[in-house]
Amino acid sequence: METKNNWRGWLYLLPALALLSVFTFYPLISTFLIAFKENYNYMTNEFTGWGFDNFVQIFNHQRFLGSFKNTLIIVFVSVPLSTGLALLIAVALNSIKVVQRFLTTVFFLPYVTNTIAIGMVFAVMFNSKNGLVNEILRIFGLNPVNWLGGGGAYREDFQPSQLNSMIVLLTYIVWNSIPFKILILLSGLQGIDKQYYQAAQIDATPRWRVFMRITVPLLSPQIAYLLITSFIGAFKEYTSVVAIFGEAAGPIGRQYTMTTIVWYIYSRMKATPVVNGMGWAAAGAVVLFFIIMLFTMVNLYVSKKRVHY
């Protein structure tokens, strides 16, 4: 009877396994193989041998190194910042009972809005000549900033710095990722037993200590989940760059300065001549795969030590 049930279980899993084999396992194995094929031509499927030449080439390629640096900045700035802000907003929303549902809906709107549309709005807001952000700076008597190029508000020849462009990109990524985190954390907060807070109130425990000793530990499963998924998503960041800067991946006058690893992989896939293009892209994908796997394993290990289920 047990053997028959096992076969029935595998039968139910068969469609999912077939889809995973075609769309996940096969592309993954093919990518690993292509990464080690030297001078690979995907048009003719010819290559000159096996080796690590593709990896050597990308690590000597300045654009890949720049993409790697930008990706690390996005990961280590946007993930902690967005998670921390989402936690504070969720705690504030949880303490508001009258218009909580309305405010939750308002905060969640960016998550269901088209990414490209949001990127276009940000591009207009941070327009160097007459954008909303520079208009606000003028109101407070500050000089306008050339965020995205195209000439500053006062000097047409003033080029935007990479720092200014990175600030715009990080602002967009944080703003776009906060809504989902707020929803997860708010649902976690509403599941915490109120007796913990009542006991702390009786003991006259300060609010910051209640937050650090009760709220954060009891929310640790949700926080761990958000950190793991956010790190994975940040390492694969691509859409945000294209939404704000287009395929040039940088402000006007400084193209290709805001590239990410995924952008680099995609650009190498379209590179000409076709020889080495796909090989370099596959090598970059393999490097990204191991980086994400390493960070995920570290996060899971830390979660076992710190998370309170």
Protein backbone atom coordinates (compact mmCIF):
# COMPACT_ATOMS: atom_id res chain seq x y z
CA MET A 1 0.00 0.00 0.00
CA GLU A 2 2.83 2.39 0.93
CA THR A 3 4.69 1.67 -2.33
CA LYS A 4 1.54 2.35 -4.33
CA ASN A 5 1.06 5.69 -2.56
CA ASN A 6 4.69 6.63 -3.26
CA TRP A 7 4.18 5.98 -6.97
CA ARG A 8 1.04 8.07 -6.89
CA GLY A 9 2.98 10.92 -5.29
CA TRP A 10 5.66 10.76 -7.98
CA LEU A 11 2.93 10.72 -10.61
CA TYR A 12 1.53 13.99 -9.23
CA LEU A 13 5.02 15.50 -9.23
CA LEU A 14 5.76 14.42 -12.80
CA PRO A 15 4.39 17.55 -14.57
CA ALA A 16 6.33 19.87 -12.25
CA LEU A 17 9.51 17.80 -12.64
CA ALA A 18 9.13 17.85 -16.42
CA LEU A 19 8.83 21.64 -16.44
CA LEU A 20 11.79 22.00 -14.07
CA SER A 21 13.88 19.70 -16.25
CA VAL A 22 13.15 21.67 -19.42
CA PHE A 23 13.23 25.23 -18.07
CA THR A 24 15.65 24.98 -15.10
CA PHE A 25 17.92 21.93 -15.02
CA TYR A 26 18.72 21.76 -18.74
CA PRO A 27 19.55 25.52 -19.08
CA LEU A 28 21.61 25.36 -15.87
CA ILE A 29 23.69 22.40 -17.06
CA SER A 30 24.09 23.95 -20.52
CA THR A 31 25.27 27.23 -18.99
CA PHE A 32 27.92 25.43 -16.93
CA LEU A 33 29.16 23.57 -20.00
CA ILE A 34 29.28 26.69 -22.19
CA ALA A 35 31.20 28.57 -19.48
CA PHE A 36 34.12 26.17 -19.88
CA LYS A 37 34.08 26.06 -23.69
CA GLU A 38 36.84 28.26 -25.12
CA ASN A 39 36.10 30.39 -28.21
CA TYR A 40 32.55 29.05 -28.27
CA ASN A 41 30.38 30.03 -31.24
CA TYR A 42 26.72 29.46 -30.40
CA MET A 43 25.72 29.87 -34.07
CA THR A 44 27.73 26.81 -35.13
CA ASN A 45 28.13 25.17 -31.68
CA GLU A 46 31.89 25.00 -32.30
CA PHE A 47 34.65 25.62 -29.75
CA THR A 48 38.40 25.10 -29.59
CA GLY A 49 38.69 23.34 -26.23
CA TRP A 50 37.85 23.24 -22.56
CA GLY A 51 39.29 25.52 -19.91
CA PHE A 52 38.91 28.55 -17.66
CA ASP A 53 39.66 31.16 -20.33
CA ASN A 54 36.16 32.70 -20.18
CA PHE A 55 36.51 33.27 -16.43
CA VAL A 56 39.97 34.78 -16.85
CA GLN A 57 38.66 37.12 -19.55
CA ILE A 58 35.68 38.45 -17.59
CA PHE A 59 37.75 39.06 -14.47
CA ASN A 60 40.13 41.10 -16.62
CA HIS A 61 37.26 42.99 -18.25
CA GLN A 62 36.72 46.42 -16.68
CA ARG A 63 33.02 46.44 -17.45
CA PHE A 64 32.48 43.18 -15.56
CA LEU A 65 34.48 44.48 -12.59
CA GLY A 66 32.41 47.69 -12.63
CA SER A 67 29.22 45.63 -12.82
CA PHE A 68 30.40 43.50 -9.91
CA LYS A 69 31.13 46.60 -7.80
CA ASN A 70 27.75 48.19 -8.60
CA THR A 71 25.95 44.95 -7.74
CA LEU A 72 27.68 44.73 -4.36
CA ILE A 73 26.74 48.35 -3.59
CA ILE A 74 23.10 47.64 -4.47
CA VAL A 75 23.06 44.49 -2.34
CA PHE A 76 24.70 45.88 0.80
CA VAL A 77 22.90 49.23 0.74
CA SER A 78 19.40 48.54 -0.56
CA VAL A 79 18.68 45.29 1.31
CA PRO A 80 19.44 46.47 4.89
CA LEU A 81 17.97 49.92 4.22
CA SER A 82 14.71 48.69 2.69
CA THR A 83 14.27 45.98 5.34
CA GLY A 84 14.91 48.42 8.19
CA LEU A 85 12.53 51.04 6.79
CA ALA A 86 9.87 48.41 6.12
CA LEU A 87 10.15 47.19 9.72
CA LEU A 88 9.70 50.70 11.12
CA ILE A 89 6.75 51.43 8.83
CA ALA A 90 5.13 48.08 9.66
CA VAL A 91 5.45 48.78 13.40
CA ALA A 92 3.92 52.23 12.90
CA LEU A 93 1.05 50.82 10.82
CA ASN A 94 0.41 48.12 13.40
CA SER A 95 -0.12 50.78 16.07
CA ILE A 96 -2.69 52.62 13.91
CA LYS A 97 -6.10 51.00 13.96
CA VAL A 98 -8.41 53.58 12.36
CA VAL A 99 -7.03 53.85 8.80
CA GLN A 100 -4.64 50.90 8.87
CA ARG A 101 -6.14 49.11 5.86
CA PHE A 102 -6.21 52.27 3.78
CA LEU A 103 -2.57 53.13 4.56
CA THR A 104 -1.49 49.53 3.95
CA THR A 105 -3.12 49.69 0.51
CA VAL A 106 -1.38 53.00 -0.24
CA PHE A 107 2.02 51.59 0.75
CA PHE A 108 1.41 48.45 -1.32
CA LEU A 109 0.55 50.32 -4.54
CA PRO A 110 4.16 50.58 -5.83
CA TYR A 111 4.45 46.79 -5.72
CA VAL A 112 1.59 46.30 -8.18
CA THR A 113 2.58 49.20 -10.44
CA ASN A 114 4.46 48.58 -13.68
CA THR A 115 8.22 48.72 -13.06
CA ILE A 116 9.03 50.59 -16.27
CA ALA A 117 6.33 53.17 -15.53
CA ILE A 118 7.79 53.78 -12.06
CA GLY A 119 11.25 54.12 -13.60
CA MET A 120 9.97 56.76 -16.02
CA VAL A 121 8.40 58.68 -13.13
CA PHE A 122 11.69 58.60 -11.22
CA ALA A 123 13.55 59.78 -14.33
CA VAL A 124 11.20 62.77 -14.52
CA MET A 125 11.43 63.48 -10.78
CA PHE A 126 15.23 63.51 -10.90
CA ASN A 127 15.44 65.40 -14.19
CA SER A 128 18.49 67.65 -14.01
CA LYS A 129 16.82 70.77 -15.39
CA ASN A 130 13.28 70.92 -14.05
CA GLY A 131 12.73 67.77 -12.00
CA LEU A 132 10.69 67.79 -8.79
CA VAL A 133 13.70 66.97 -6.60
CA ASN A 134 15.73 69.92 -7.89
CA GLU A 135 12.73 72.22 -7.53
CA ILE A 136 12.50 71.23 -3.86
CA LEU A 137 16.23 71.91 -3.46
CA ARG A 138 15.74 75.39 -4.94
CA ILE A 139 12.92 76.12 -2.47
CA PHE A 140 15.33 75.49 0.40
CA GLY A 141 18.00 77.66 -1.23
CA LEU A 142 20.20 74.75 -2.31
CA ASN A 143 21.91 74.33 -5.66
CA PRO A 144 20.27 71.87 -8.07
CA VAL A 145 22.03 68.57 -8.68
CA ASN A 146 22.70 66.97 -12.04
CA TRP A 147 21.32 63.54 -11.21
CA LEU A 148 20.85 61.86 -14.58
CA GLY A 149 22.79 64.00 -17.05
CA GLY A 150 21.58 66.02 -19.96
CA GLY A 151 23.04 69.22 -18.57
CA GLY A 152 22.71 70.70 -15.12
CA ALA A 153 20.17 73.32 -14.16
CA TYR A 154 22.77 76.07 -14.56
CA ARG A 155 25.61 74.50 -16.56
CA GLU A 156 24.97 72.48 -19.69
CA ASP A 157 28.48 71.01 -19.64
CA PHE A 158 28.26 69.71 -16.08
CA GLN A 159 28.37 65.91 -16.09
CA PRO A 160 26.59 63.85 -13.43
CA SER A 161 28.74 61.90 -11.01
CA GLN A 162 28.35 58.16 -10.60
CA LEU A 163 27.44 58.77 -6.96
CA ASN A 164 24.45 60.92 -7.94
CA SER A 165 23.22 58.27 -10.36
CA MET A 166 23.71 55.53 -7.78
CA ILE A 167 21.65 57.54 -5.26
CA VAL A 168 18.78 57.72 -7.76
CA LEU A 169 19.03 53.99 -8.51
CA LEU A 170 19.17 53.00 -4.84
CA THR A 171 16.23 55.27 -4.02
CA TYR A 172 14.20 53.60 -6.75
CA ILE A 173 15.14 50.07 -5.65
CA VAL A 174 14.43 50.74 -1.97
CA TRP A 175 11.13 52.47 -2.71
CA ASN A 176 10.06 49.66 -5.03
CA SER A 177 10.98 46.82 -2.64
CA ILE A 178 9.54 48.21 0.60
CA PRO A 179 5.79 47.48 -0.01
CA PHE A 180 6.10 43.68 -0.10
CA LYS A 181 8.28 43.72 3.01
CA ILE A 182 5.79 45.91 4.86
CA LEU A 183 3.02 43.42 4.08
CA ILE A 184 5.03 40.42 5.32
CA LEU A 185 6.21 42.17 8.49
CA LEU A 186 2.77 43.61 9.26
CA SER A 187 1.20 40.16 9.04
CA GLY A 188 3.93 38.88 11.37
CA LEU A 189 3.30 41.68 13.86
CA GLN A 190 -0.40 40.94 13.95
CA GLY A 191 0.39 37.33 14.81
CA ILE A 192 2.43 38.19 17.93
CA ASP A 193 0.68 37.41 21.20
CA LYS A 194 -0.39 40.68 22.85
CA GLN A 195 0.46 39.26 26.29
CA TYR A 196 4.16 39.96 25.68
CA TYR A 197 3.45 43.67 25.24
CA GLN A 198 1.04 43.76 28.17
CA ALA A 199 3.69 42.25 30.44
CA ALA A 200 6.25 44.78 29.20
CA GLN A 201 3.77 47.60 29.82
CA ILE A 202 3.20 46.44 33.39
CA ASP A 203 6.98 46.44 33.96
CA ALA A 204 7.21 49.96 32.46
CA THR A 205 9.69 48.74 29.86
CA PRO A 206 10.89 51.51 27.48
CA ARG A 207 9.53 51.31 23.94
CA TRP A 208 12.94 50.89 22.31
CA ARG A 209 13.66 47.90 24.57
CA VAL A 210 10.25 46.39 23.79
CA PHE A 211 11.09 46.78 20.12
CA MET A 212 14.54 45.20 20.43
CA ARG A 213 13.69 42.46 22.95
CA ILE A 214 10.16 41.46 21.89
CA THR A 215 9.23 42.71 18.43
CA VAL A 216 12.46 41.97 16.54
CA PRO A 217 13.08 38.47 18.02
CA LEU A 218 9.48 37.38 17.42
CA LEU A 219 9.64 38.75 13.87
CA SER A 220 12.96 37.02 13.16
CA PRO A 221 11.42 34.30 10.90
CA GLN A 222 9.87 36.96 8.65
CA ILE A 223 13.02 39.09 8.73
CA ALA A 224 15.19 36.09 7.82
CA TYR A 225 12.91 35.21 4.91
CA LEU A 226 12.97 38.79 3.62
CA LEU A 227 16.75 39.07 3.93
CA ILE A 228 17.37 35.83 2.03
CA THR A 229 14.95 36.63 -0.80
CA SER A 230 16.08 40.28 -0.92
CA PHE A 231 19.76 39.35 -1.20
CA ILE A 232 18.95 36.97 -4.06
CA GLY A 233 16.82 39.60 -5.81
CA ALA A 234 19.41 42.36 -5.35
CA PHE A 235 22.17 40.22 -6.86
CA LYS A 236 19.92 39.68 -9.90
CA GLU A 237 19.04 43.37 -10.27
CA TYR A 238 18.55 44.40 -13.87
CA THR A 239 15.08 45.83 -14.43
CA SER A 240 15.67 48.89 -12.25
CA VAL A 241 18.75 49.90 -14.25
CA VAL A 242 16.91 49.63 -17.56
CA ALA A 243 13.81 51.35 -16.17
CA ILE A 244 15.77 54.48 -15.22
CA PHE A 245 18.74 54.57 -17.58
CA GLY A 246 17.60 52.46 -20.53
CA GLU A 247 19.95 50.03 -22.26
CA ALA A 248 22.79 52.56 -21.94
CA ALA A 249 22.88 51.64 -18.23
CA GLY A 250 24.06 55.07 -17.15
CA PRO A 251 23.25 58.78 -17.21
CA ILE A 252 23.75 60.90 -20.30
CA GLY A 253 27.48 61.38 -20.81
CA ARG A 254 28.37 58.44 -18.55
CA GLN A 255 26.95 55.41 -20.30
CA TYR A 256 27.63 51.93 -18.90
CA THR A 257 28.61 53.22 -15.46
CA MET A 258 25.55 51.77 -13.69
CA THR A 259 25.74 48.23 -15.04
CA THR A 260 25.04 45.17 -12.90
CA ILE A 261 26.17 41.56 -13.28
CA VAL A 262 22.89 40.51 -14.89
CA TRP A 263 23.09 43.49 -17.26
CA TYR A 264 26.64 42.40 -18.17
CA ILE A 265 25.50 38.83 -18.83
CA TYR A 266 22.67 40.04 -21.06
CA SER A 267 24.97 42.44 -22.95
CA ARG A 268 27.51 39.69 -23.62
CA MET A 269 24.76 37.44 -25.01
CA LYS A 270 24.06 40.11 -27.64
CA ALA A 271 27.74 40.88 -28.25
CA THR A 272 29.35 40.68 -31.67
CA PRO A 273 31.29 38.80 -32.87
CA VAL A 274 29.41 35.80 -31.52
CA VAL A 275 32.68 34.02 -30.63
CA ASN A 276 33.34 34.45 -26.88
CA GLY A 277 30.14 36.45 -26.33
CA MET A 278 28.03 33.56 -25.09
CA GLY A 279 31.02 32.01 -23.31
CA TRP A 280 31.65 35.18 -21.33
CA ALA A 281 27.94 35.47 -20.54
CA ALA A 282 27.84 31.89 -19.29
CA ALA A 283 30.96 32.44 -17.17
CA GLY A 284 29.36 35.53 -15.62
CA ALA A 285 26.19 33.54 -14.92
CA VAL A 286 28.18 30.79 -13.21
CA VAL A 287 30.02 33.33 -11.05
CA LEU A 288 26.70 34.92 -10.08
CA PHE A 289 25.22 31.50 -9.32
CA PHE A 290 27.97 30.64 -6.85
CA ILE A 291 27.88 34.10 -5.24
CA ILE A 292 24.13 33.83 -4.65
CA MET A 293 24.47 30.27 -3.39
CA LEU A 294 27.24 31.30 -0.97
CA PHE A 295 25.25 34.22 0.43
CA THR A 296 22.13 32.06 0.73
CA MET A 297 24.03 29.37 2.65
CA VAL A 298 25.51 31.98 4.99
CA ASN A 299 22.07 33.50 5.58
CA LEU A 300 20.55 30.09 6.28
CA TYR A 301 23.36 29.26 8.71
CA VAL A 302 22.94 32.55 10.57
CA SER A 303 19.17 32.07 10.59
CA LYS A 304 19.52 28.77 12.43
CA LYS A 305 21.46 30.55 15.17
CA ARG A 306 19.44 33.76 15.41
CA VAL A 307 15.89 33.02 14.31
CA HIS A 308 13.31 32.24 17.02
CA TYR A 309 10.54 30.01 15.66
